[in-house]
Amino acid sequence: MAYREVTMVEIKEVLLLWMSGAKKKRIAAQLSLDVKTVRRYIAAGESTGLAVGAVELTEEQVGAVVLALQPSVERAHGDGWQTCESERAEIKRLLEQEVRLSKVR
Protein backbone atom coordinates (compact mmCIF):
# COMPACT_ATOMS: atom_id res chain seq x y z
CA MET A 1 0.00 0.00 0.00
CA ALA A 2 1.45 3.35 -1.03
CA TYR A 3 1.04 6.50 1.00
CA ARG A 4 0.31 9.80 -0.67
CA GLU A 5 1.67 13.02 0.75
CA VAL A 6 -1.10 15.42 1.65
CA THR A 7 -0.36 19.04 0.88
CA MET A 8 -0.70 21.96 3.24
CA VAL A 9 -3.60 23.19 1.11
CA GLU A 10 -5.49 19.95 1.76
CA ILE A 11 -4.82 20.22 5.50
CA LYS A 12 -6.14 23.78 5.42
CA GLU A 13 -9.24 22.67 3.47
CA VAL A 14 -9.94 19.91 6.01
CA LEU A 15 -9.68 22.38 8.86
CA LEU A 16 -11.81 25.03 7.14
CA LEU A 17 -14.56 22.54 6.30
CA TRP A 18 -14.48 21.12 9.84
CA MET A 19 -14.57 24.58 11.42
CA SER A 20 -17.61 25.41 9.29
CA GLY A 21 -19.43 22.39 10.72
CA ALA A 22 -18.98 19.73 8.03
CA LYS A 23 -18.93 16.09 9.15
CA LYS A 24 -15.73 14.03 8.92
CA LYS A 25 -17.10 11.55 6.39
CA ARG A 26 -18.37 14.38 4.18
CA ILE A 27 -14.96 16.11 4.32
CA ALA A 28 -13.22 12.85 3.45
CA ALA A 29 -15.50 12.24 0.48
CA GLN A 30 -15.26 15.81 -0.78
CA LEU A 31 -11.44 15.90 -0.64
CA SER A 32 -10.88 12.23 -1.60
CA LEU A 33 -9.14 11.49 1.70
CA ASP A 34 -9.48 8.65 4.15
CA VAL A 35 -11.73 9.33 7.13
CA LYS A 36 -8.89 8.35 9.48
CA THR A 37 -6.67 10.99 7.88
CA VAL A 38 -9.35 13.63 8.32
CA ARG A 39 -9.82 12.54 11.93
CA ARG A 40 -6.07 12.84 12.56
CA TYR A 41 -5.94 16.38 11.11
CA ILE A 42 -8.94 17.44 13.15
CA ALA A 43 -7.40 16.00 16.33
CA ALA A 44 -4.20 17.94 15.60
CA GLY A 45 -6.30 21.08 15.06
CA GLU A 46 -8.10 20.59 18.34
CA SER A 47 -4.80 20.07 20.15
CA THR A 48 -3.61 23.46 18.87
CA GLY A 49 -6.76 25.24 20.03
CA LEU A 50 -8.99 25.21 16.93
CA ALA A 51 -12.70 24.55 17.34
CA VAL A 52 -15.85 24.15 15.29
CA GLY A 53 -17.37 27.54 14.63
CA ALA A 54 -14.11 29.47 14.65
CA VAL A 55 -14.27 32.42 12.31
CA GLU A 56 -10.78 32.55 10.84
CA LEU A 57 -7.88 30.20 10.16
CA THR A 58 -4.48 31.92 10.09
CA GLU A 59 -1.29 30.67 8.51
CA GLU A 60 0.23 30.43 12.01
CA GLN A 61 -2.56 28.10 13.11
CA VAL A 62 -2.11 25.92 10.03
CA GLY A 63 1.64 25.83 10.70
CA ALA A 64 0.98 24.76 14.29
CA VAL A 65 -1.23 21.92 13.05
CA VAL A 66 1.42 20.79 10.56
CA LEU A 67 3.99 20.75 13.38
CA ALA A 68 1.62 18.77 15.57
CA LEU A 69 1.23 16.19 12.79
CA GLN A 70 4.97 15.58 12.41
CA PRO A 71 6.33 12.61 14.29
CA SER A 72 8.67 13.53 17.11
CA VAL A 73 10.66 10.30 17.07
CA GLU A 74 14.38 10.89 17.20
CA ARG A 75 16.51 7.83 16.90
CA ALA A 76 20.11 7.53 17.93
CA HIS A 77 22.88 7.02 15.42
CA GLY A 78 24.13 3.48 15.00
CA ASP A 79 27.54 1.91 15.46
CA GLY A 80 28.66 2.85 11.95
CA TRP A 81 28.07 6.51 12.73
CA GLN A 82 30.19 6.27 15.87
CA THR A 83 33.00 4.65 13.90
CA CYS A 84 32.93 7.44 11.33
CA GLU A 85 32.90 10.08 14.08
CA SER A 86 35.98 8.56 15.69
CA GLU A 87 37.77 8.63 12.30
CA ARG A 88 36.45 12.03 11.17
CA ALA A 89 39.86 13.77 11.06
CA GLU A 90 41.46 10.95 9.04
CA ILE A 91 38.52 10.77 6.62
CA LYS A 92 38.69 14.54 6.10
CA ARG A 93 42.45 14.40 5.47
CA LEU A 94 42.09 11.61 2.89
CA LEU A 95 39.21 13.34 1.10
CA GLU A 96 41.21 16.57 0.91
CA GLN A 97 43.94 14.55 -0.81
CA GLU A 98 41.25 13.52 -3.34
CA VAL A 99 41.29 9.88 -2.33
CA ARG A 100 38.07 8.25 -3.51
CA LEU A 101 35.49 7.60 -0.86
CA SER A 102 35.43 3.90 -1.78
CA LYS A 103 39.16 3.77 -1.01
CA VAL A 104 38.68 5.68 2.25
CA ARG A 105 36.23 3.02 3.35
PDB file of N, CA and C in Angstrom:
ATOM      1  N   MET A   1       0.842  -1.171   0.000  1.00  0.00           N
ATOM      2  CA  MET A   1       0.000   0.000   0.000  1.00  0.00           C
ATOM      3  C   MET A   1       0.891   1.240   0.000  1.00  0.00           C
ATOM      4  N   ALA A   2       0.665   2.122  -0.932  1.00  0.00           N
ATOM      5  CA  ALA A   2       1.452   3.354  -1.031  1.00  0.00           C
ATOM      6  C   ALA A   2       0.755   4.477  -0.274  1.00  0.00           C
ATOM      7  N   TYR A   3       1.577   5.351   0.281  1.00  0.00           N
ATOM      8  CA  TYR A   3       1.043   6.502   0.998  1.00  0.00           C
ATOM      9  C   TYR A   3       1.261   7.751   0.162  1.00  0.00           C
ATOM     10  N   ARG A   4       0.267   8.581   0.110  1.00  0.00           N
ATOM     11  CA  ARG A   4       0.314   9.805  -0.668  1.00  0.00           C
ATOM     12  C   ARG A   4       0.528  10.964   0.287  1.00  0.00           C
ATOM     13  N   GLU A   5       1.425  11.855  -0.084  1.00  0.00           N
ATOM     14  CA  GLU A   5       1.673  13.022   0.754  1.00  0.00           C
ATOM     15  C   GLU A   5       0.537  14.016   0.583  1.00  0.00           C
ATOM     16  N   VAL A   6      -0.005  14.453   1.678  1.00  0.00           N
ATOM     17  CA  VAL A   6      -1.100  15.419   1.653  1.00  0.00           C
ATOM     18  C   VAL A   6      -0.497  16.809   1.764  1.00  0.00           C
ATOM     19  N   THR A   7      -0.929  17.702   0.909  1.00  0.00           N
ATOM     20  CA  THR A   7      -0.356  19.040   0.876  1.00  0.00           C
ATOM     21  C   THR A   7      -0.937  19.919   1.979  1.00  0.00           C
ATOM     22  N   MET A   8      -0.255  21.006   2.229  1.00  0.00           N
ATOM     23  CA  MET A   8      -0.703  21.956   3.244  1.00  0.00           C
ATOM     24  C   MET A   8      -2.063  22.542   2.870  1.00  0.00           C
ATOM     25  N   VAL A   9      -2.310  22.676   1.578  1.00  0.00           N
ATOM     26  CA  VAL A   9      -3.602  23.195   1.110  1.00  0.00           C
ATOM     27  C   VAL A   9      -4.721  22.235   1.515  1.00  0.00           C
ATOM     28  N   GLU A  10      -4.467  20.923   1.386  1.00  0.00           N
ATOM     29  CA  GLU A  10      -5.486  19.950   1.763  1.00  0.00           C
ATOM     30  C   GLU A  10      -5.730  19.966   3.273  1.00  0.00           C
ATOM     31  N   ILE A  11      -4.664  20.123   4.058  1.00  0.00           N
ATOM     32  CA  ILE A  11      -4.818  20.222   5.504  1.00  0.00           C
ATOM     33  C   ILE A  11      -5.671  21.435   5.850  1.00  0.00           C
ATOM     34  N   LYS A  12      -5.382  22.545   5.176  1.00  0.00           N
ATOM     35  CA  LYS A  12      -6.138  23.776   5.415  1.00  0.00           C
ATOM     36  C   LYS A  12      -7.604  23.589   5.030  1.00  0.00           C
ATOM     37  N   GLU A  13      -7.856  22.922   3.908  1.00  0.00           N
ATOM     38  CA  GLU A  13      -9.236  22.670   3.471  1.00  0.00           C
ATOM     39  C   GLU A  13      -9.987  21.807   4.483  1.00  0.00           C
ATOM     40  N   VAL A  14      -9.313  20.763   4.995  1.00  0.00           N
ATOM     41  CA  VAL A  14      -9.936  19.908   6.006  1.00  0.00           C
ATOM     42  C   VAL A  14     -10.333  20.749   7.214  1.00  0.00           C
ATOM     43  N   LEU A  15      -9.403  21.569   7.667  1.00  0.00           N
ATOM     44  CA  LEU A  15      -9.678  22.382   8.859  1.00  0.00           C
ATOM     45  C   LEU A  15     -10.789  23.398   8.611  1.00  0.00           C
ATOM     46  N   LEU A  16     -10.771  24.041   7.448  1.00  0.00           N
ATOM     47  CA  LEU A  16     -11.814  25.029   7.138  1.00  0.00           C
ATOM     48  C   LEU A  16     -13.198  24.388   7.069  1.00  0.00           C
ATOM     49  N   LEU A  17     -13.279  23.232   6.401  1.00  0.00           N
ATOM     50  CA  LEU A  17     -14.563  22.540   6.304  1.00  0.00           C
ATOM     51  C   LEU A  17     -15.041  22.094   7.682  1.00  0.00           C
ATOM     52  N   TRP A  18     -14.124  21.571   8.492  1.00  0.00           N
ATOM     53  CA  TRP A  18     -14.484  21.121   9.840  1.00  0.00           C
ATOM     54  C   TRP A  18     -14.933  22.294  10.704  1.00  0.00           C
ATOM     55  N   MET A  19     -14.212  23.408  10.619  1.00  0.00           N
ATOM     56  CA  MET A  19     -14.568  24.581  11.415  1.00  0.00           C
ATOM     57  C   MET A  19     -15.934  25.143  11.009  1.00  0.00           C
ATOM     58  N   SER A  20     -16.307  24.928   9.747  1.00  0.00           N
ATOM     59  CA  SER A  20     -17.611  25.414   9.291  1.00  0.00           C
ATOM     60  C   SER A  20     -18.743  24.454   9.644  1.00  0.00           C
ATOM     61  N   GLY A  21     -18.389  23.300  10.239  1.00  0.00           N
ATOM     62  CA  GLY A  21     -19.427  22.388  10.716  1.00  0.00           C
ATOM     63  C   GLY A  21     -19.627  21.138   9.889  1.00  0.00           C
ATOM     64  N   ALA A  22     -18.830  20.922   8.865  1.00  0.00           N
ATOM     65  CA  ALA A  22     -18.983  19.729   8.031  1.00  0.00           C
ATOM     66  C   ALA A  22     -18.573  18.478   8.815  1.00  0.00           C
ATOM     67  N   LYS A  23     -19.222  17.367   8.506  1.00  0.00           N
ATOM     68  CA  LYS A  23     -18.926  16.091   9.154  1.00  0.00           C
ATOM     69  C   LYS A  23     -17.656  15.471   8.550  1.00  0.00           C
ATOM     70  N   LYS A  24     -17.003  14.641   9.337  1.00  0.00           N
ATOM     71  CA  LYS A  24     -15.730  14.034   8.922  1.00  0.00           C
ATOM     72  C   LYS A  24     -15.865  13.198   7.645  1.00  0.00           C
ATOM     73  N   LYS A  25     -16.915  12.391   7.569  1.00  0.00           N
ATOM     74  CA  LYS A  25     -17.101  11.546   6.386  1.00  0.00           C
ATOM     75  C   LYS A  25     -17.353  12.396   5.141  1.00  0.00           C
ATOM     76  N   ARG A  26     -18.081  13.473   5.304  1.00  0.00           N
ATOM     77  CA  ARG A  26     -18.370  14.378   4.185  1.00  0.00           C
ATOM     78  C   ARG A  26     -17.082  15.050   3.702  1.00  0.00           C
ATOM     79  N   ILE A  27     -16.245  15.480   4.667  1.00  0.00           N
ATOM     80  CA  ILE A  27     -14.960  16.109   4.324  1.00  0.00           C
ATOM     81  C   ILE A  27     -14.085  15.115   3.576  1.00  0.00           C
ATOM     82  N   ALA A  28     -14.034  13.882   4.081  1.00  0.00           N
ATOM     83  CA  ALA A  28     -13.218  12.849   3.449  1.00  0.00           C
ATOM     84  C   ALA A  28     -13.678  12.585   2.017  1.00  0.00           C
ATOM     85  N   ALA A  29     -14.969  12.489   1.820  1.00  0.00           N
ATOM     86  CA  ALA A  29     -15.501  12.236   0.483  1.00  0.00           C
ATOM     87  C   ALA A  29     -15.245  13.416  -0.449  1.00  0.00           C
ATOM     88  N   GLN A  30     -15.429  14.604   0.041  1.00  0.00           N
ATOM     89  CA  GLN A  30     -15.262  15.806  -0.777  1.00  0.00           C
ATOM     90  C   GLN A  30     -13.810  15.993  -1.216  1.00  0.00           C
ATOM     91  N   LEU A  31     -12.852  15.668  -0.330  1.00  0.00           N
ATOM     92  CA  LEU A  31     -11.445  15.897  -0.638  1.00  0.00           C
ATOM     93  C   LEU A  31     -10.713  14.628  -1.069  1.00  0.00           C
ATOM     94  N   SER A  32     -11.454  13.527  -1.218  1.00  0.00           N
ATOM     95  CA  SER A  32     -10.881  12.227  -1.602  1.00  0.00           C
ATOM     96  C   SER A  32      -9.781  11.793  -0.635  1.00  0.00           C
ATOM     97  N   LEU A  33     -10.066  11.909   0.650  1.00  0.00           N
ATOM     98  CA  LEU A  33      -9.144  11.491   1.701  1.00  0.00           C
ATOM     99  C   LEU A  33      -9.786  10.382   2.510  1.00  0.00           C
ATOM    100  N   ASP A  34      -8.975   9.659   3.250  1.00  0.00           N
ATOM    101  CA  ASP A  34      -9.484   8.647   4.147  1.00  0.00           C
ATOM    102  C   ASP A  34     -10.057   9.323   5.392  1.00  0.00           C
ATOM    103  N   VAL A  35     -11.094   8.750   5.943  1.00  0.00           N
ATOM    104  CA  VAL A  35     -11.730   9.333   7.127  1.00  0.00           C
ATOM    105  C   VAL A  35     -10.738   9.376   8.291  1.00  0.00           C
ATOM    106  N   LYS A  36      -9.877   8.360   8.400  1.00  0.00           N
ATOM    107  CA  LYS A  36      -8.887   8.349   9.485  1.00  0.00           C
ATOM    108  C   LYS A  36      -7.899   9.504   9.346  1.00  0.00           C
ATOM    109  N   THR A  37      -7.558   9.858   8.112  1.00  0.00           N
ATOM    110  CA  THR A  37      -6.667  10.986   7.876  1.00  0.00           C
ATOM    111  C   THR A  37      -7.339  12.287   8.311  1.00  0.00           C
ATOM    112  N   VAL A  38      -8.591  12.443   7.928  1.00  0.00           N
ATOM    113  CA  VAL A  38      -9.354  13.633   8.320  1.00  0.00           C
ATOM    114  C   VAL A  38      -9.453  13.706   9.838  1.00  0.00           C
ATOM    115  N   ARG A  39      -9.721  12.580  10.473  1.00  0.00           N
ATOM    116  CA  ARG A  39      -9.819  12.536  11.932  1.00  0.00           C
ATOM    117  C   ARG A  39      -8.497  12.950  12.582  1.00  0.00           C
ATOM    118  N   ARG A  40      -7.388  12.498  12.006  1.00  0.00           N
ATOM    119  CA  ARG A  40      -6.074  12.842  12.556  1.00  0.00           C
ATOM    120  C   ARG A  40      -5.797  14.334  12.435  1.00  0.00           C
ATOM    121  N   TYR A  41      -6.147  14.937  11.296  1.00  0.00           N
ATOM    122  CA  TYR A  41      -5.942  16.378  11.106  1.00  0.00           C
ATOM    123  C   TYR A  41      -6.814  17.191  12.047  1.00  0.00           C
ATOM    124  N   ILE A  42      -8.034  16.737  12.237  1.00  0.00           N
ATOM    125  CA  ILE A  42      -8.940  17.441  13.150  1.00  0.00           C
ATOM    126  C   ILE A  42      -8.431  17.343  14.585  1.00  0.00           C
ATOM    127  N   ALA A  43      -7.950  16.167  14.972  1.00  0.00           N
ATOM    128  CA  ALA A  43      -7.398  16.005  16.326  1.00  0.00           C
ATOM    129  C   ALA A  43      -6.195  16.918  16.532  1.00  0.00           C
ATOM    130  N   ALA A  44      -5.355  17.036  15.504  1.00  0.00           N
ATOM    131  CA  ALA A  44      -4.204  17.941  15.602  1.00  0.00           C
ATOM    132  C   ALA A  44      -4.681  19.383  15.707  1.00  0.00           C
ATOM    133  N   GLY A  45      -5.731  19.733  14.972  1.00  0.00           N
ATOM    134  CA  GLY A  45      -6.301  21.077  15.056  1.00  0.00           C
ATOM    135  C   GLY A  45      -6.857  21.374  16.433  1.00  0.00           C
ATOM    136  N   GLU A  46      -7.559  20.404  16.997  1.00  0.00           N
ATOM    137  CA  GLU A  46      -8.103  20.592  18.343  1.00  0.00           C
ATOM    138  C   GLU A  46      -6.992  20.728  19.377  1.00  0.00           C
ATOM    139  N   SER A  47      -5.901  19.990  19.187  1.00  0.00           N
ATOM    140  CA  SER A  47      -4.796  20.070  20.154  1.00  0.00           C
ATOM    141  C   SER A  47      -4.080  21.418  20.094  1.00  0.00           C
ATOM    142  N   THR A  48      -4.237  22.130  18.980  1.00  0.00           N
ATOM    143  CA  THR A  48      -3.615  23.457  18.868  1.00  0.00           C
ATOM    144  C   THR A  48      -4.601  24.582  19.173  1.00  0.00           C
ATOM    145  N   GLY A  49      -5.808  24.228  19.592  1.00  0.00           N
ATOM    146  CA  GLY A  49      -6.758  25.240  20.028  1.00  0.00           C
ATOM    147  C   GLY A  49      -7.854  25.597  19.029  1.00  0.00           C
ATOM    148  N   LEU A  50      -7.924  24.932  17.901  1.00  0.00           N
ATOM    149  CA  LEU A  50      -8.993  25.210  16.929  1.00  0.00           C
ATOM    150  C   LEU A  50     -10.289  24.542  17.388  1.00  0.00           C
ATOM    151  N   ALA A  51     -11.402  25.105  16.958  1.00  0.00           N
ATOM    152  CA  ALA A  51     -12.696  24.554  17.344  1.00  0.00           C
ATOM    153  C   ALA A  51     -13.712  24.788  16.238  1.00  0.00           C
ATOM    154  N   VAL A  52     -14.750  23.968  16.246  1.00  0.00           N
ATOM    155  CA  VAL A  52     -15.851  24.149  15.289  1.00  0.00           C
ATOM    156  C   VAL A  52     -16.471  25.502  15.558  1.00  0.00           C
ATOM    157  N   GLY A  53     -16.750  26.237  14.492  1.00  0.00           N
ATOM    158  CA  GLY A  53     -17.373  27.540  14.631  1.00  0.00           C
ATOM    159  C   GLY A  53     -16.387  28.694  14.678  1.00  0.00           C
ATOM    160  N   ALA A  54     -15.103  28.388  14.670  1.00  0.00           N
ATOM    161  CA  ALA A  54     -14.107  29.467  14.654  1.00  0.00           C
ATOM    162  C   ALA A  54     -14.264  30.254  13.362  1.00  0.00           C
ATOM    163  N   VAL A  55     -14.015  31.537  13.446  1.00  0.00           N
ATOM    164  CA  VAL A  55     -14.267  32.424  12.314  1.00  0.00           C
ATOM    165  C   VAL A  55     -13.140  32.391  11.286  1.00  0.00           C
ATOM    166  N   GLU A  56     -11.909  32.371  11.750  1.00  0.00           N
ATOM    167  CA  GLU A  56     -10.781  32.546  10.843  1.00  0.00           C
ATOM    168  C   GLU A  56      -9.714  31.486  11.110  1.00  0.00           C
ATOM    169  N   LEU A  57      -8.997  31.132  10.058  1.00  0.00           N
ATOM    170  CA  LEU A  57      -7.883  30.201  10.159  1.00  0.00           C
ATOM    171  C   LEU A  57      -6.640  30.907   9.625  1.00  0.00           C
ATOM    172  N   THR A  58      -5.693  31.201  10.502  1.00  0.00           N
ATOM    173  CA  THR A  58      -4.482  31.921  10.091  1.00  0.00           C
ATOM    174  C   THR A  58      -3.397  30.944   9.648  1.00  0.00           C
ATOM    175  N   GLU A  59      -2.419  31.482   8.955  1.00  0.00           N
ATOM    176  CA  GLU A  59      -1.286  30.670   8.511  1.00  0.00           C
ATOM    177  C   GLU A  59      -0.516  30.118   9.712  1.00  0.00           C
ATOM    178  N   GLU A  60      -0.456  30.886  10.799  1.00  0.00           N
ATOM    179  CA  GLU A  60       0.231  30.430  12.007  1.00  0.00           C
ATOM    180  C   GLU A  60      -0.473  29.218  12.605  1.00  0.00           C
ATOM    181  N   GLN A  61      -1.792  29.229  12.584  1.00  0.00           N
ATOM    182  CA  GLN A  61      -2.560  28.102  13.110  1.00  0.00           C
ATOM    183  C   GLN A  61      -2.358  26.859  12.244  1.00  0.00           C
ATOM    184  N   VAL A  62      -2.351  27.045  10.929  1.00  0.00           N
ATOM    185  CA  VAL A  62      -2.108  25.916  10.026  1.00  0.00           C
ATOM    186  C   VAL A  62      -0.705  25.372  10.258  1.00  0.00           C
ATOM    187  N   GLY A  63       0.263  26.261  10.424  1.00  0.00           N
ATOM    188  CA  GLY A  63       1.636  25.833  10.704  1.00  0.00           C
ATOM    189  C   GLY A  63       1.736  25.044  11.994  1.00  0.00           C
ATOM    190  N   ALA A  64       0.986  25.473  13.013  1.00  0.00           N
ATOM    191  CA  ALA A  64       0.979  24.760  14.292  1.00  0.00           C
ATOM    192  C   ALA A  64       0.394  23.356  14.128  1.00  0.00           C
ATOM    193  N   VAL A  65      -0.627  23.226  13.299  1.00  0.00           N
ATOM    194  CA  VAL A  65      -1.230  21.919  13.046  1.00  0.00           C
ATOM    195  C   VAL A  65      -0.243  21.022  12.305  1.00  0.00           C
ATOM    196  N   VAL A  66       0.430  21.570  11.312  1.00  0.00           N
ATOM    197  CA  VAL A  66       1.422  20.786  10.563  1.00  0.00           C
ATOM    198  C   VAL A  66       2.520  20.297  11.504  1.00  0.00           C
ATOM    199  N   LEU A  67       2.977  21.156  12.406  1.00  0.00           N
ATOM    200  CA  LEU A  67       3.993  20.751  13.379  1.00  0.00           C
ATOM    201  C   LEU A  67       3.467  19.666  14.313  1.00  0.00           C
ATOM    202  N   ALA A  68       2.213  19.769  14.694  1.00  0.00           N
ATOM    203  CA  ALA A  68       1.618  18.766  15.571  1.00  0.00           C
ATOM    204  C   ALA A  68       1.491  17.411  14.873  1.00  0.00           C
ATOM    205  N   LEU A  69       1.373  17.431  13.553  1.00  0.00           N
ATOM    206  CA  LEU A  69       1.231  16.189  12.792  1.00  0.00           C
ATOM    207  C   LEU A  69       2.561  15.472  12.575  1.00  0.00           C
ATOM    208  N   GLN A  70       3.666  16.189  12.659  1.00  0.00           N
ATOM    209  CA  GLN A  70       4.969  15.580  12.406  1.00  0.00           C
ATOM    210  C   GLN A  70       5.356  14.663  13.555  1.00  0.00           C
ATOM    211  N   PRO A  71       5.896  13.506  13.215  1.00  0.00           N
ATOM    212  CA  PRO A  71       6.335  12.605  14.287  1.00  0.00           C
ATOM    213  C   PRO A  71       7.532  13.190  15.021  1.00  0.00           C
ATOM    214  N   SER A  72       7.590  12.966  16.316  1.00  0.00           N
ATOM    215  CA  SER A  72       8.673  13.531  17.109  1.00  0.00           C
ATOM    216  C   SER A  72       9.674  12.457  17.530  1.00  0.00           C
ATOM    217  N   VAL A  73       9.763  11.401  16.730  1.00  0.00           N
ATOM    218  CA  VAL A  73      10.656  10.299  17.067  1.00  0.00           C
ATOM    219  C   VAL A  73      12.062  10.625  16.590  1.00  0.00           C
ATOM    220  N   GLU A  74      12.967  10.685  17.523  1.00  0.00           N
ATOM    221  CA  GLU A  74      14.377  10.887  17.204  1.00  0.00           C
ATOM    222  C   GLU A  74      15.073   9.585  17.539  1.00  0.00           C
ATOM    223  N   ARG A  75      15.799   9.050  16.592  1.00  0.00           N
ATOM    224  CA  ARG A  75      16.512   7.830  16.903  1.00  0.00           C
ATOM    225  C   ARG A  75      18.003   8.099  16.948  1.00  0.00           C
ATOM    226  N   ALA A  76      18.673   7.355  17.758  1.00  0.00           N
ATOM    227  CA  ALA A  76      20.110   7.535  17.933  1.00  0.00           C
ATOM    228  C   ALA A  76      20.857   6.989  16.721  1.00  0.00           C
ATOM    229  N   HIS A  77      22.039   7.525  16.493  1.00  0.00           N
ATOM    230  CA  HIS A  77      22.875   7.017  15.417  1.00  0.00           C
ATOM    231  C   HIS A  77      23.400   5.640  15.785  1.00  0.00           C
ATOM    232  N   GLY A  78      23.651   4.841  14.778  1.00  0.00           N
ATOM    233  CA  GLY A  78      24.128   3.476  14.995  1.00  0.00           C
ATOM    234  C   GLY A  78      25.628   3.397  15.192  1.00  0.00           C
ATOM    235  N   ASP A  79      26.118   2.164  15.242  1.00  0.00           N
ATOM    236  CA  ASP A  79      27.545   1.911  15.460  1.00  0.00           C
ATOM    237  C   ASP A  79      28.398   2.456  14.321  1.00  0.00           C
ATOM    238  N   GLY A  80      27.904   2.349  13.099  1.00  0.00           N
ATOM    239  CA  GLY A  80      28.656   2.850  11.948  1.00  0.00           C
ATOM    240  C   GLY A  80      28.913   4.342  12.054  1.00  0.00           C
ATOM    241  N   TRP A  81      27.921   5.068  12.553  1.00  0.00           N
ATOM    242  CA  TRP A  81      28.068   6.512  12.733  1.00  0.00           C
ATOM    243  C   TRP A  81      29.169   6.808  13.750  1.00  0.00           C
ATOM    244  N   GLN A  82      29.172   6.067  14.832  1.00  0.00           N
ATOM    245  CA  GLN A  82      30.185   6.266  15.869  1.00  0.00           C
ATOM    246  C   GLN A  82      31.585   5.983  15.330  1.00  0.00           C
ATOM    247  N   THR A  83      31.705   4.970  14.500  1.00  0.00           N
ATOM    248  CA  THR A  83      33.000   4.650  13.895  1.00  0.00           C
ATOM    249  C   THR A  83      33.470   5.792  13.010  1.00  0.00           C
ATOM    250  N   CYS A  84      32.568   6.315  12.199  1.00  0.00           N
ATOM    251  CA  CYS A  84      32.926   7.444  11.329  1.00  0.00           C
ATOM    252  C   CYS A  84      33.317   8.670  12.149  1.00  0.00           C
ATOM    253  N   GLU A  85      32.584   8.921  13.226  1.00  0.00           N
ATOM    254  CA  GLU A  85      32.899  10.075  14.076  1.00  0.00           C
ATOM    255  C   GLU A  85      34.299   9.948  14.679  1.00  0.00           C
ATOM    256  N   SER A  86      34.670   8.742  15.089  1.00  0.00           N
ATOM    257  CA  SER A  86      35.983   8.562  15.692  1.00  0.00           C
ATOM    258  C   SER A  86      37.098   8.709  14.662  1.00  0.00           C
ATOM    259  N   GLU A  87      36.774   8.533  13.380  1.00  0.00           N
ATOM    260  CA  GLU A  87      37.765   8.631  12.301  1.00  0.00           C
ATOM    261  C   GLU A  87      37.588   9.899  11.460  1.00  0.00           C
ATOM    262  N   ARG A  88      36.794  10.839  11.944  1.00  0.00           N
ATOM    263  CA  ARG A  88      36.454  12.033  11.175  1.00  0.00           C
ATOM    264  C   ARG A  88      37.683  12.771  10.644  1.00  0.00           C
ATOM    265  N   ALA A  89      38.675  13.009  11.472  1.00  0.00           N
ATOM    266  CA  ALA A  89      39.863  13.765  11.060  1.00  0.00           C
ATOM    267  C   ALA A  89      40.607  13.040   9.938  1.00  0.00           C
ATOM    268  N   GLU A  90      40.752  11.728  10.074  1.00  0.00           N
ATOM    269  CA  GLU A  90      41.461  10.948   9.043  1.00  0.00           C
ATOM    270  C   GLU A  90      40.676  10.928   7.742  1.00  0.00           C
ATOM    271  N   ILE A  91      39.364  10.763   7.825  1.00  0.00           N
ATOM    272  CA  ILE A  91      38.523  10.775   6.624  1.00  0.00           C
ATOM    273  C   ILE A  91      38.637  12.121   5.922  1.00  0.00           C
ATOM    274  N   LYS A  92      38.576  13.202   6.676  1.00  0.00           N
ATOM    275  CA  LYS A  92      38.685  14.542   6.100  1.00  0.00           C
ATOM    276  C   LYS A  92      40.031  14.725   5.402  1.00  0.00           C
ATOM    277  N   ARG A  93      41.114  14.271   6.051  1.00  0.00           N
ATOM    278  CA  ARG A  93      42.452  14.401   5.473  1.00  0.00           C
ATOM    279  C   ARG A  93      42.546  13.643   4.150  1.00  0.00           C
ATOM    280  N   LEU A  94      42.028  12.419   4.112  1.00  0.00           N
ATOM    281  CA  LEU A  94      42.092  11.612   2.890  1.00  0.00           C
ATOM    282  C   LEU A  94      41.236  12.225   1.774  1.00  0.00           C
ATOM    283  N   LEU A  95      40.069  12.730   2.118  1.00  0.00           N
ATOM    284  CA  LEU A  95      39.212  13.339   1.095  1.00  0.00           C
ATOM    285  C   LEU A  95      39.833  14.619   0.542  1.00  0.00           C
ATOM    286  N   GLU A  96      40.521  15.368   1.388  1.00  0.00           N
ATOM    287  CA  GLU A  96      41.212  16.573   0.914  1.00  0.00           C
ATOM    288  C   GLU A  96      42.350  16.217  -0.041  1.00  0.00           C
ATOM    289  N   GLN A  97      42.893  15.030   0.097  1.00  0.00           N
ATOM    290  CA  GLN A  97      43.944  14.551  -0.811  1.00  0.00           C
ATOM    291  C   GLN A  97      43.334  13.915  -2.063  1.00  0.00           C
ATOM    292  N   GLU A  98      42.021  14.023  -2.207  1.00  0.00           N
ATOM    293  CA  GLU A  98      41.252  13.519  -3.344  1.00  0.00           C
ATOM    294  C   GLU A  98      41.305  12.004  -3.476  1.00  0.00           C
ATOM    295  N   VAL A  99      41.411  11.327  -2.337  1.00  0.00           N
ATOM    296  CA  VAL A  99      41.294   9.875  -2.325  1.00  0.00           C
ATOM    297  C   VAL A  99      39.812   9.555  -2.456  1.00  0.00           C
ATOM    298  N   ARG A 100      39.475   8.603  -3.309  1.00  0.00           N
ATOM    299  CA  ARG A 100      38.072   8.247  -3.510  1.00  0.00           C
ATOM    300  C   ARG A 100      37.465   7.718  -2.222  1.00  0.00           C
ATOM    301  N   LEU A 101      36.185   8.010  -2.065  1.00  0.00           N
ATOM    302  CA  LEU A 101      35.487   7.602  -0.857  1.00  0.00           C
ATOM    303  C   LEU A 101      35.479   6.077  -0.718  1.00  0.00           C
ATOM    304  N   SER A 102      35.397   5.353  -1.841  1.00  0.00           N
ATOM    305  CA  SER A 102      35.432   3.898  -1.783  1.00  0.00           C
ATOM    306  C   SER A 102      36.770   3.400  -1.251  1.00  0.00           C
ATOM    307  N   LYS A 103      37.840   4.136  -1.525  1.00  0.00           N
ATOM    308  CA  LYS A 103      39.158   3.775  -1.014  1.00  0.00           C
ATOM    309  C   LYS A 103      39.270   4.142   0.467  1.00  0.00           C
ATOM    310  N   VAL A 104      38.658   5.248   0.858  1.00  0.00           N
ATOM    311  CA  VAL A 104      38.681   5.679   2.255  1.00  0.00           C
ATOM    312  C   VAL A 104      38.023   4.605   3.105  1.00  0.00           C
ATOM    313  N   ARG A 105      36.968   4.050   2.602  1.00  0.00           N
ATOM    314  CA  ARG A 105      36.227   3.024   3.347  1.00  0.00           C
ATOM    315  C   ARG A 105      37.093   1.843   3.616  1.00  0.00           C
TER     316      ARG A 105
END
